[in-house]
């Protein structure tokens, strides 16, 4: 968990380079876990929505190896 927290905060520090805001202080493990839990919705049967996996291959990311950013459009479930 410590390496994930370090990786998340490391990415957030870089956010201004890409025109994004970063938090004023580092996130704690509790904050990161709470954000992950908010993503546990099963969605709905109708409509369109985007799903973003910011780090597909977390272990590779933490190790400085290969990872991907995945974006998907879900339509009608």
PDB file of N, CA and C in Angstrom:
ATOM      1  N   UNK A   1       0.828  -1.197   0.000  1.00  0.00           N
ATOM      2  CA  UNK A   1       0.000   0.000   0.000  1.00  0.00           C
ATOM      3  C   UNK A   1       0.871   1.259   0.000  1.00  0.00           C
ATOM      4  N   UNK A   2       1.988   1.194   0.715  1.00  0.00           N
ATOM      5  CA  UNK A   2       2.867   2.371   0.777  1.00  0.00           C
ATOM      6  C   UNK A   2       3.392   2.753  -0.601  1.00  0.00           C
ATOM      7  N   UNK A   3       3.735   1.756  -1.415  1.00  0.00           N
ATOM      8  CA  UNK A   3       4.263   2.069  -2.745  1.00  0.00           C
ATOM      9  C   UNK A   3       3.176   2.645  -3.653  1.00  0.00           C
ATOM     10  N   UNK A   4       1.926   2.209  -3.473  1.00  0.00           N
ATOM     11  CA  UNK A   4       0.821   2.770  -4.255  1.00  0.00           C
ATOM     12  C   UNK A   4       0.584   4.219  -3.851  1.00  0.00           C
ATOM     13  N   UNK A   5       0.586   4.489  -2.552  1.00  0.00           N
ATOM     14  CA  UNK A   5       0.406   5.861  -2.063  1.00  0.00           C
ATOM     15  C   UNK A   5       1.524   6.753  -2.600  1.00  0.00           C
ATOM     16  N   UNK A   6       2.748   6.266  -2.568  1.00  0.00           N
ATOM     17  CA  UNK A   6       3.880   7.042  -3.091  1.00  0.00           C
ATOM     18  C   UNK A   6       3.727   7.289  -4.590  1.00  0.00           C
ATOM     19  N   UNK A   7       3.279   6.270  -5.326  1.00  0.00           N
ATOM     20  CA  UNK A   7       3.097   6.424  -6.774  1.00  0.00           C
ATOM     21  C   UNK A   7       2.000   7.433  -7.094  1.00  0.00           C
ATOM     22  N   UNK A   8       0.884   7.357  -6.379  1.00  0.00           N
ATOM     23  CA  UNK A   8      -0.223   8.294  -6.609  1.00  0.00           C
ATOM     24  C   UNK A   8       0.234   9.720  -6.322  1.00  0.00           C
ATOM     25  N   UNK A   9       0.881   9.921  -5.190  1.00  0.00           N
ATOM     26  CA  UNK A   9       1.337  11.267  -4.846  1.00  0.00           C
ATOM     27  C   UNK A   9       2.410  11.756  -5.809  1.00  0.00           C
ATOM     28  N   UNK A  10       3.252  10.851  -6.284  1.00  0.00           N
ATOM     29  CA  UNK A  10       4.257  11.227  -7.276  1.00  0.00           C
ATOM     30  C   UNK A  10       3.620  11.716  -8.566  1.00  0.00           C
ATOM     31  N   UNK A  11       2.552  11.058  -8.980  1.00  0.00           N
ATOM     32  CA  UNK A  11       1.830  11.485 -10.183  1.00  0.00           C
ATOM     33  C   UNK A  11       1.126  12.817  -9.960  1.00  0.00           C
ATOM     34  N   UNK A  12       0.542  12.987  -8.789  1.00  0.00           N
ATOM     35  CA  UNK A  12      -0.176  14.232  -8.504  1.00  0.00           C
ATOM     36  C   UNK A  12       0.757  15.437  -8.489  1.00  0.00           C
ATOM     37  N   UNK A  13       1.980  15.235  -8.061  1.00  0.00           N
ATOM     38  CA  UNK A  13       2.959  16.326  -8.064  1.00  0.00           C
ATOM     39  C   UNK A  13       3.224  16.794  -9.492  1.00  0.00           C
ATOM     40  N   UNK A  14       3.172  15.867 -10.445  1.00  0.00           N
ATOM     41  CA  UNK A  14       3.435  16.174 -11.849  1.00  0.00           C
ATOM     42  C   UNK A  14       2.234  16.809 -12.558  1.00  0.00           C
ATOM     43  N   UNK A  15       1.067  16.811 -11.939  1.00  0.00           N
ATOM     44  CA  UNK A  15      -0.166  17.273 -12.580  1.00  0.00           C
ATOM     45  C   UNK A  15      -0.059  18.666 -13.208  1.00  0.00           C
ATOM     46  N   UNK A  16       0.548  19.660 -12.546  1.00  0.00           N
ATOM     47  CA  UNK A  16       0.610  20.991 -13.152  1.00  0.00           C
ATOM     48  C   UNK A  16       1.339  21.029 -14.501  1.00  0.00           C
ATOM     49  N   UNK A  17       2.240  20.095 -14.735  1.00  0.00           N
ATOM     50  CA  UNK A  17       2.931  20.038 -16.030  1.00  0.00           C
ATOM     51  C   UNK A  17       1.954  19.784 -17.172  1.00  0.00           C
ATOM     52  N   UNK A  18       0.801  19.201 -16.842  1.00  0.00           N
ATOM     53  CA  UNK A  18      -0.192  18.847 -17.848  1.00  0.00           C
ATOM     54  C   UNK A  18      -1.440  19.712 -17.747  1.00  0.00           C
ATOM     55  N   UNK A  19      -1.319  20.845 -17.061  1.00  0.00           N
ATOM     56  CA  UNK A  19      -2.428  21.777 -16.946  1.00  0.00           C
ATOM     57  C   UNK A  19      -3.487  21.378 -15.937  1.00  0.00           C
ATOM     58  N   UNK A  20      -3.147  20.459 -15.037  1.00  0.00           N
ATOM     59  CA  UNK A  20      -4.093  19.996 -14.025  1.00  0.00           C
ATOM     60  C   UNK A  20      -3.685  20.505 -12.652  1.00  0.00           C
ATOM     61  N   UNK A  21      -4.658  20.616 -11.772  1.00  0.00           N
ATOM     62  CA  UNK A  21      -4.371  21.020 -10.398  1.00  0.00           C
ATOM     63  C   UNK A  21      -3.914  19.825  -9.592  1.00  0.00           C
ATOM     64  N   UNK A  22      -2.998  20.058  -8.687  1.00  0.00           N
ATOM     65  CA  UNK A  22      -2.613  18.994  -7.757  1.00  0.00           C
ATOM     66  C   UNK A  22      -3.064  19.406  -6.358  1.00  0.00           C
ATOM     67  N   UNK A  23      -3.279  18.440  -5.473  1.00  0.00           N
ATOM     68  CA  UNK A  23      -3.696  18.771  -4.105  1.00  0.00           C
ATOM     69  C   UNK A  23      -2.639  19.624  -3.402  1.00  0.00           C
ATOM     70  N   UNK A  24      -3.083  20.401  -2.430  1.00  0.00           N
ATOM     71  CA  UNK A  24      -2.161  21.250  -1.682  1.00  0.00           C
ATOM     72  C   UNK A  24      -1.214  20.438  -0.814  1.00  0.00           C
ATOM     73  N   UNK A  25      -1.653  19.247  -0.385  1.00  0.00           N
ATOM     74  CA  UNK A  25      -0.798  18.377   0.425  1.00  0.00           C
ATOM     75  C   UNK A  25      -0.929  16.947  -0.078  1.00  0.00           C
ATOM     76  N   UNK A  26       0.027  16.110   0.275  1.00  0.00           N
ATOM     77  CA  UNK A  26       0.000  14.717  -0.160  1.00  0.00           C
ATOM     78  C   UNK A  26      -1.233  14.004   0.378  1.00  0.00           C
ATOM     79  N   UNK A  27      -1.756  13.083  -0.418  1.00  0.00           N
ATOM     80  CA  UNK A  27      -2.897  12.285   0.016  1.00  0.00           C
ATOM     81  C   UNK A  27      -2.423  11.166   0.932  1.00  0.00           C
ATOM     82  N   UNK A  28      -3.222  10.871   1.921  1.00  0.00           N
ATOM     83  CA  UNK A  28      -2.949   9.757   2.838  1.00  0.00           C
ATOM     84  C   UNK A  28      -3.547   8.482   2.246  1.00  0.00           C
ATOM     85  N   UNK A  29      -3.119   7.342   2.758  1.00  0.00           N
ATOM     86  CA  UNK A  29      -3.629   6.051   2.284  1.00  0.00           C
ATOM     87  C   UNK A  29      -5.152   6.007   2.385  1.00  0.00           C
ATOM     88  N   UNK A  30      -5.700   6.538   3.467  1.00  0.00           N
ATOM     89  CA  UNK A  30      -7.154   6.548   3.664  1.00  0.00           C
ATOM     90  C   UNK A  30      -7.850   7.290   2.527  1.00  0.00           C
ATOM     91  N   UNK A  31      -7.307   8.439   2.127  1.00  0.00           N
ATOM     92  CA  UNK A  31      -7.909   9.233   1.053  1.00  0.00           C
ATOM     93  C   UNK A  31      -7.904   8.468  -0.268  1.00  0.00           C
ATOM     94  N   UNK A  32      -6.803   7.805  -0.560  1.00  0.00           N
ATOM     95  CA  UNK A  32      -6.681   7.057  -1.811  1.00  0.00           C
ATOM     96  C   UNK A  32      -7.624   5.863  -1.812  1.00  0.00           C
ATOM     97  N   UNK A  33      -7.688   5.136  -0.710  1.00  0.00           N
ATOM     98  CA  UNK A  33      -8.600   3.991  -0.625  1.00  0.00           C
ATOM     99  C   UNK A  33     -10.054   4.430  -0.740  1.00  0.00           C
ATOM    100  N   UNK A  34     -10.384   5.568  -0.160  1.00  0.00           N
ATOM    101  CA  UNK A  34     -11.749   6.092  -0.255  1.00  0.00           C
ATOM    102  C   UNK A  34     -12.090   6.419  -1.711  1.00  0.00           C
ATOM    103  N   UNK A  35     -11.157   6.993  -2.451  1.00  0.00           N
ATOM    104  CA  UNK A  35     -11.390   7.295  -3.865  1.00  0.00           C
ATOM    105  C   UNK A  35     -11.583   6.017  -4.672  1.00  0.00           C
ATOM    106  N   UNK A  36     -10.810   4.990  -4.362  1.00  0.00           N
ATOM    107  CA  UNK A  36     -10.946   3.710  -5.062  1.00  0.00           C
ATOM    108  C   UNK A  36     -12.309   3.098  -4.779  1.00  0.00           C
ATOM    109  N   UNK A  37     -12.752   3.161  -3.536  1.00  0.00           N
ATOM    110  CA  UNK A  37     -14.060   2.586  -3.169  1.00  0.00           C
ATOM    111  C   UNK A  37     -15.218   3.283  -3.880  1.00  0.00           C
ATOM    112  N   UNK A  38     -15.076   4.565  -4.171  1.00  0.00           N
ATOM    113  CA  UNK A  38     -16.143   5.289  -4.875  1.00  0.00           C
ATOM    114  C   UNK A  38     -16.345   4.745  -6.283  1.00  0.00           C
ATOM    115  N   UNK A  39     -15.387   4.030  -6.787  1.00  0.00           N
ATOM    116  CA  UNK A  39     -15.463   3.501  -8.157  1.00  0.00           C
ATOM    117  C   UNK A  39     -16.047   2.102  -8.210  1.00  0.00           C
ATOM    118  N   UNK A  40     -16.719   1.665  -7.171  1.00  0.00           N
ATOM    119  CA  UNK A  40     -17.234   0.299  -7.137  1.00  0.00           C
ATOM    120  C   UNK A  40     -18.690   0.191  -7.592  1.00  0.00           C
ATOM    121  N   UNK A  41     -19.197   1.197  -8.270  1.00  0.00           N
ATOM    122  CA  UNK A  41     -20.574   1.156  -8.766  1.00  0.00           C
ATOM    123  C   UNK A  41     -20.707   0.116  -9.875  1.00  0.00           C
ATOM    124  N   UNK A  42     -21.852  -0.556  -9.926  1.00  0.00           N
ATOM    125  CA  UNK A  42     -22.067  -1.540 -10.985  1.00  0.00           C
ATOM    126  C   UNK A  42     -22.621  -0.905 -12.250  1.00  0.00           C
ATOM    127  N   UNK A  43     -22.861   0.384 -12.222  1.00  0.00           N
ATOM    128  CA  UNK A  43     -23.358   1.070 -13.402  1.00  0.00           C
ATOM    129  C   UNK A  43     -24.833   0.810 -13.637  1.00  0.00           C
ATOM    130  N   UNK A  44     -25.290   1.145 -14.806  1.00  0.00           N
ATOM    131  CA  UNK A  44     -26.697   0.972 -15.133  1.00  0.00           C
ATOM    132  C   UNK A  44     -26.856   0.253 -16.457  1.00  0.00           C
ATOM    133  N   UNK A  45     -28.069  -0.212 -16.738  1.00  0.00           N
ATOM    134  CA  UNK A  45     -28.289  -0.980 -17.952  1.00  0.00           C
ATOM    135  C   UNK A  45     -28.409  -0.135 -19.220  1.00  0.00           C
ATOM    136  N   UNK A  46     -28.687   1.147 -19.095  1.00  0.00           N
ATOM    137  CA  UNK A  46     -28.909   2.002 -20.266  1.00  0.00           C
ATOM    138  C   UNK A  46     -28.001   3.224 -20.206  1.00  0.00           C
ATOM    139  N   UNK A  47     -27.753   3.795 -21.357  1.00  0.00           N
ATOM    140  CA  UNK A  47     -27.001   5.033 -21.432  1.00  0.00           C
ATOM    141  C   UNK A  47     -25.546   4.811 -21.818  1.00  0.00           C
ATOM    142  N   UNK A  48     -24.839   5.929 -21.922  1.00  0.00           N
ATOM    143  CA  UNK A  48     -23.425   5.897 -22.289  1.00  0.00           C
ATOM    144  C   UNK A  48     -22.611   6.581 -21.207  1.00  0.00           C
ATOM    145  N   UNK A  49     -21.461   6.011 -20.891  1.00  0.00           N
ATOM    146  CA  UNK A  49     -20.558   6.653 -19.943  1.00  0.00           C
ATOM    147  C   UNK A  49     -19.132   6.199 -20.217  1.00  0.00           C
ATOM    148  N   UNK A  50     -18.207   7.029 -19.806  1.00  0.00           N
ATOM    149  CA  UNK A  50     -16.784   6.742 -19.976  1.00  0.00           C
ATOM    150  C   UNK A  50     -16.242   6.079 -18.723  1.00  0.00           C
ATOM    151  N   UNK A  51     -15.315   5.160 -18.916  1.00  0.00           N
ATOM    152  CA  UNK A  51     -14.605   4.516 -17.815  1.00  0.00           C
ATOM    153  C   UNK A  51     -13.119   4.750 -18.051  1.00  0.00           C
ATOM    154  N   UNK A  52     -12.445   5.261 -17.042  1.00  0.00           N
ATOM    155  CA  UNK A  52     -11.013   5.535 -17.140  1.00  0.00           C
ATOM    156  C   UNK A  52     -10.267   4.709 -16.105  1.00  0.00           C
ATOM    157  N   UNK A  53      -9.303   3.940 -16.559  1.00  0.00           N
ATOM    158  CA  UNK A  53      -8.390   3.224 -15.667  1.00  0.00           C
ATOM    159  C   UNK A  53      -7.069   3.967 -15.777  1.00  0.00           C
ATOM    160  N   UNK A  54      -6.779   4.864 -14.817  1.00  0.00           N
ATOM    161  CA  UNK A  54      -5.604   5.720 -14.954  1.00  0.00           C
ATOM    162  C   UNK A  54      -4.285   4.962 -14.962  1.00  0.00           C
ATOM    163  N   UNK A  55      -4.225   3.818 -14.315  1.00  0.00           N
ATOM    164  CA  UNK A  55      -2.995   3.025 -14.327  1.00  0.00           C
ATOM    165  C   UNK A  55      -3.377   1.554 -14.462  1.00  0.00           C
ATOM    166  N   UNK A  56      -3.423   1.070 -15.701  1.00  0.00           N
ATOM    167  CA  UNK A  56      -3.676  -0.345 -15.963  1.00  0.00           C
ATOM    168  C   UNK A  56      -2.322  -1.027 -15.973  1.00  0.00           C
ATOM    169  N   UNK A  57      -2.059  -1.807 -14.957  1.00  0.00           N
ATOM    170  CA  UNK A  57      -0.736  -2.392 -14.770  1.00  0.00           C
ATOM    171  C   UNK A  57      -0.037  -1.688 -13.624  1.00  0.00           C
ATOM    172  N   UNK A  58      -0.728  -1.600 -12.485  1.00  0.00           N
ATOM    173  CA  UNK A  58      -0.217  -0.857 -11.336  1.00  0.00           C
ATOM    174  C   UNK A  58       1.165  -1.330 -10.914  1.00  0.00           C
ATOM    175  N   UNK A  59       1.372  -2.636 -10.889  1.00  0.00           N
ATOM    176  CA  UNK A  59       2.672  -3.152 -10.468  1.00  0.00           C
ATOM    177  C   UNK A  59       3.772  -2.675 -11.411  1.00  0.00           C
ATOM    178  N   UNK A  60       3.505  -2.714 -12.701  1.00  0.00           N
ATOM    179  CA  UNK A  60       4.482  -2.205 -13.665  1.00  0.00           C
ATOM    180  C   UNK A  60       4.753  -0.729 -13.455  1.00  0.00           C
ATOM    181  N   UNK A  61       3.711   0.037 -13.167  1.00  0.00           N
ATOM    182  CA  UNK A  61       3.865   1.471 -12.923  1.00  0.00           C
ATOM    183  C   UNK A  61       4.731   1.726 -11.698  1.00  0.00           C
ATOM    184  N   UNK A  62       4.428   1.025 -10.611  1.00  0.00           N
ATOM    185  CA  UNK A  62       5.159   1.220  -9.360  1.00  0.00           C
ATOM    186  C   UNK A  62       6.629   0.844  -9.540  1.00  0.00           C
ATOM    187  N   UNK A  63       6.883  -0.176 -10.341  1.00  0.00           N
ATOM    188  CA  UNK A  63       8.264  -0.614 -10.583  1.00  0.00           C
ATOM    189  C   UNK A  63       8.980   0.235 -11.628  1.00  0.00           C
ATOM    190  N   UNK A  64       8.265   1.166 -12.254  1.00  0.00           N
ATOM    191  CA  UNK A  64       8.871   1.973 -13.301  1.00  0.00           C
ATOM    192  C   UNK A  64       8.950   1.222 -14.622  1.00  0.00           C
ATOM    193  N   UNK A  65       8.132   0.182 -14.765  1.00  0.00           N
ATOM    194  CA  UNK A  65       8.124  -0.654 -15.958  1.00  0.00           C
ATOM    195  C   UNK A  65       6.921  -0.265 -16.823  1.00  0.00           C
ATOM    196  N   UNK A  66       6.457  -1.158 -17.662  1.00  0.00           N
ATOM    197  CA  UNK A  66       5.357  -0.858 -18.569  1.00  0.00           C
ATOM    198  C   UNK A  66       4.012  -0.772 -17.845  1.00  0.00           C
ATOM    199  N   UNK A  67       3.181   0.159 -18.299  1.00  0.00           N
ATOM    200  CA  UNK A  67       1.810   0.302 -17.828  1.00  0.00           C
ATOM    201  C   UNK A  67       1.030   1.007 -18.931  1.00  0.00           C
ATOM    202  N   UNK A  68      -0.266   1.103 -18.784  1.00  0.00           N
ATOM    203  CA  UNK A  68      -1.097   1.760 -19.789  1.00  0.00           C
ATOM    204  C   UNK A  68      -2.174   2.584 -19.106  1.00  0.00           C
ATOM    205  N   UNK A  69      -2.652   3.580 -19.811  1.00  0.00           N
ATOM    206  CA  UNK A  69      -3.830   4.331 -19.397  1.00  0.00           C
ATOM    207  C   UNK A  69      -4.957   3.857 -20.309  1.00  0.00           C
ATOM    208  N   UNK A  70      -6.032   3.335 -19.719  1.00  0.00           N
ATOM    209  CA  UNK A  70      -7.122   2.765 -20.511  1.00  0.00           C
ATOM    210  C   UNK A  70      -8.371   3.631 -20.408  1.00  0.00           C
ATOM    211  N   UNK A  71      -9.004   3.884 -21.542  1.00  0.00           N
ATOM    212  CA  UNK A  71     -10.237   4.659 -21.604  1.00  0.00           C
ATOM    213  C   UNK A  71     -11.243   3.863 -22.429  1.00  0.00           C
ATOM    214  N   UNK A  72     -12.459   3.698 -21.894  1.00  0.00           N
ATOM    215  CA  UNK A  72     -13.484   2.924 -22.595  1.00  0.00           C
ATOM    216  C   UNK A  72     -14.814   3.657 -22.550  1.00  0.00           C
ATOM    217  N   UNK A  73     -15.579   3.543 -23.618  1.00  0.00           N
ATOM    218  CA  UNK A  73     -16.940   4.063 -23.671  1.00  0.00           C
ATOM    219  C   UNK A  73     -17.891   2.883 -23.514  1.00  0.00           C
ATOM    220  N   UNK A  74     -18.703   2.902 -22.463  1.00  0.00           N
ATOM    221  CA  UNK A  74     -19.681   1.852 -22.204  1.00  0.00           C
ATOM    222  C   UNK A  74     -21.036   2.354 -22.701  1.00  0.00           C
ATOM    223  N   UNK A  75     -21.688   1.560 -23.518  1.00  0.00           N
ATOM    224  CA  UNK A  75     -22.984   1.944 -24.059  1.00  0.00           C
ATOM    225  C   UNK A  75     -24.017   0.872 -23.730  1.00  0.00           C
ATOM    226  N   UNK A  76     -25.079   1.278 -23.029  1.00  0.00           N
ATOM    227  CA  UNK A  76     -26.174   0.386 -22.633  1.00  0.00           C
ATOM    228  C   UNK A  76     -25.697  -0.840 -21.862  1.00  0.00           C
ATOM    229  N   UNK A  77     -24.916  -0.587 -20.837  1.00  0.00           N
ATOM    230  CA  UNK A  77     -24.510  -1.649 -19.920  1.00  0.00           C
ATOM    231  C   UNK A  77     -23.235  -2.283 -20.290  1.00  0.00           C
TER     232      UNK A  77
END
